[in-house]
Amino acid sequence: MFLTAHVFRVIGIGVLGRKELPGSPPHVPLGFIATVTVFATLWSRSFRRGPLEWQLGRATKVGECVR
């Protein structure tokens, strides 16, 4: 779920209008960490891969068939 977590962070920073989390008040990065941890825990109970990792796997599988 590394890719999914990273993309979530980048989108969250854009939505908040901040350039980087380290310059934010402590509750902002802690909120990101808590949200991603809860999401990843709940997601991994039902699925093996994160949603973006799954999409990337499907996209590369198509490339394997072309060879």
C-alpha atoms as a PDB file:
ATOM      1  CA  MET A   1       0.000   0.000   0.000  1.00  0.00           C
ATOM      2  CA  PHE A   2       3.019   2.275  -0.273  1.00  0.00           C
ATOM      3  CA  LEU A   3       1.931   3.744  -3.607  1.00  0.00           C
ATOM      4  CA  THR A   4      -1.628   4.326  -2.409  1.00  0.00           C
ATOM      5  CA  ALA A   5      -0.417   5.979   0.814  1.00  0.00           C
ATOM      6  CA  HIS A   6       2.010   8.227  -1.062  1.00  0.00           C
ATOM      7  CA  VAL A   7      -0.609   9.351  -3.586  1.00  0.00           C
ATOM      8  CA  PHE A   8      -3.079   9.980  -0.744  1.00  0.00           C
ATOM      9  CA  ARG A   9      -0.475  12.197   0.957  1.00  0.00           C
ATOM     10  CA  VAL A  10       0.245  14.173  -2.216  1.00  0.00           C
ATOM     11  CA  ILE A  11      -3.470  14.716  -2.890  1.00  0.00           C
ATOM     12  CA  GLY A  12      -4.078  15.659   0.752  1.00  0.00           C
ATOM     13  CA  ILE A  13      -1.302  18.248   0.673  1.00  0.00           C
ATOM     14  CA  GLY A  14      -2.802  19.711  -2.508  1.00  0.00           C
ATOM     15  CA  VAL A  15      -6.292  19.834  -1.017  1.00  0.00           C
ATOM     16  CA  LEU A  16      -4.983  21.581   2.097  1.00  0.00           C
ATOM     17  CA  GLY A  17      -3.023  24.035  -0.045  1.00  0.00           C
ATOM     18  CA  ARG A  18       0.254  23.267   1.741  1.00  0.00           C
ATOM     19  CA  LYS A  19       3.574  22.698   0.045  1.00  0.00           C
ATOM     20  CA  GLU A  20       4.928  20.258   2.616  1.00  0.00           C
ATOM     21  CA  LEU A  21       3.721  18.565   5.765  1.00  0.00           C
ATOM     22  CA  PRO A  22       6.811  19.206   7.905  1.00  0.00           C
ATOM     23  CA  GLY A  23       5.920  22.920   8.034  1.00  0.00           C
ATOM     24  CA  SER A  24       2.393  22.158   9.186  1.00  0.00           C
ATOM     25  CA  PRO A  25       1.053  22.155  12.734  1.00  0.00           C
ATOM     26  CA  PRO A  26       1.532  18.738  14.403  1.00  0.00           C
ATOM     27  CA  HIS A  27      -2.110  17.688  14.080  1.00  0.00           C
ATOM     28  CA  VAL A  28      -1.960  17.738  10.249  1.00  0.00           C
ATOM     29  CA  PRO A  29       0.751  15.072   9.722  1.00  0.00           C
ATOM     30  CA  LEU A  30      -0.611  13.060  12.637  1.00  0.00           C
ATOM     31  CA  GLY A  31      -4.043  13.146  10.998  1.00  0.00           C
ATOM     32  CA  PHE A  32      -2.551  11.866   7.738  1.00  0.00           C
ATOM     33  CA  ILE A  33      -0.727   9.072   9.554  1.00  0.00           C
ATOM     34  CA  ALA A  34      -3.834   8.028  11.477  1.00  0.00           C
ATOM     35  CA  THR A  35      -6.081   8.131   8.399  1.00  0.00           C
ATOM     36  CA  VAL A  36      -3.692   6.125   6.205  1.00  0.00           C
ATOM     37  CA  THR A  37      -3.098   3.574   8.978  1.00  0.00           C
ATOM     38  CA  VAL A  38      -6.819   3.008   9.543  1.00  0.00           C
ATOM     39  CA  PHE A  39      -7.520   2.826   5.801  1.00  0.00           C
ATOM     40  CA  ALA A  40      -4.631   0.406   5.176  1.00  0.00           C
ATOM     41  CA  THR A  41      -5.667  -1.824   8.079  1.00  0.00           C
ATOM     42  CA  LEU A  42      -9.281  -2.033   6.956  1.00  0.00           C
ATOM     43  CA  TRP A  43      -8.344  -2.487   3.295  1.00  0.00           C
ATOM     44  CA  SER A  44      -5.814  -5.252   3.997  1.00  0.00           C
ATOM     45  CA  ARG A  45      -8.427  -7.304   5.837  1.00  0.00           C
ATOM     46  CA  SER A  46     -10.276  -7.802   2.550  1.00  0.00           C
ATOM     47  CA  PHE A  47      -7.650  -7.384  -0.176  1.00  0.00           C
ATOM     48  CA  ARG A  48      -4.055  -8.428  -0.752  1.00  0.00           C
ATOM     49  CA  ARG A  49      -2.950  -5.208  -2.495  1.00  0.00           C
ATOM     50  CA  GLY A  50      -3.820  -1.544  -2.241  1.00  0.00           C
ATOM     51  CA  PRO A  51      -6.170  -0.062  -4.862  1.00  0.00           C
ATOM     52  CA  LEU A  52      -3.416   1.688  -6.843  1.00  0.00           C
ATOM     53  CA  GLU A  53      -1.067  -1.295  -6.569  1.00  0.00           C
ATOM     54  CA  TRP A  54      -3.850  -3.486  -7.957  1.00  0.00           C
ATOM     55  CA  GLN A  55      -4.398  -1.093 -10.894  1.00  0.00           C
ATOM     56  CA  LEU A  56      -0.666  -1.003 -11.606  1.00  0.00           C
ATOM     57  CA  GLY A  57      -0.562  -4.809 -11.563  1.00  0.00           C
ATOM     58  CA  ARG A  58      -3.415  -4.977 -14.070  1.00  0.00           C
ATOM     59  CA  ALA A  59      -1.734  -2.431 -16.339  1.00  0.00           C
ATOM     60  CA  THR A  60       1.556  -4.343 -16.381  1.00  0.00           C
ATOM     61  CA  LYS A  61      -0.229  -7.656 -16.953  1.00  0.00           C
ATOM     62  CA  VAL A  62      -1.542  -6.248 -20.254  1.00  0.00           C
ATOM     63  CA  GLY A  63       2.052  -5.493 -21.255  1.00  0.00           C
ATOM     64  CA  GLU A  64       3.089  -9.085 -20.573  1.00  0.00           C
ATOM     65  CA  CYS A  65       0.459 -10.409 -22.967  1.00  0.00           C
ATOM     66  CA  VAL A  66       1.723  -8.238 -25.834  1.00  0.00           C
ATOM     67  CA  ARG A  67       5.177  -9.818 -25.896  1.00  0.00           C
END
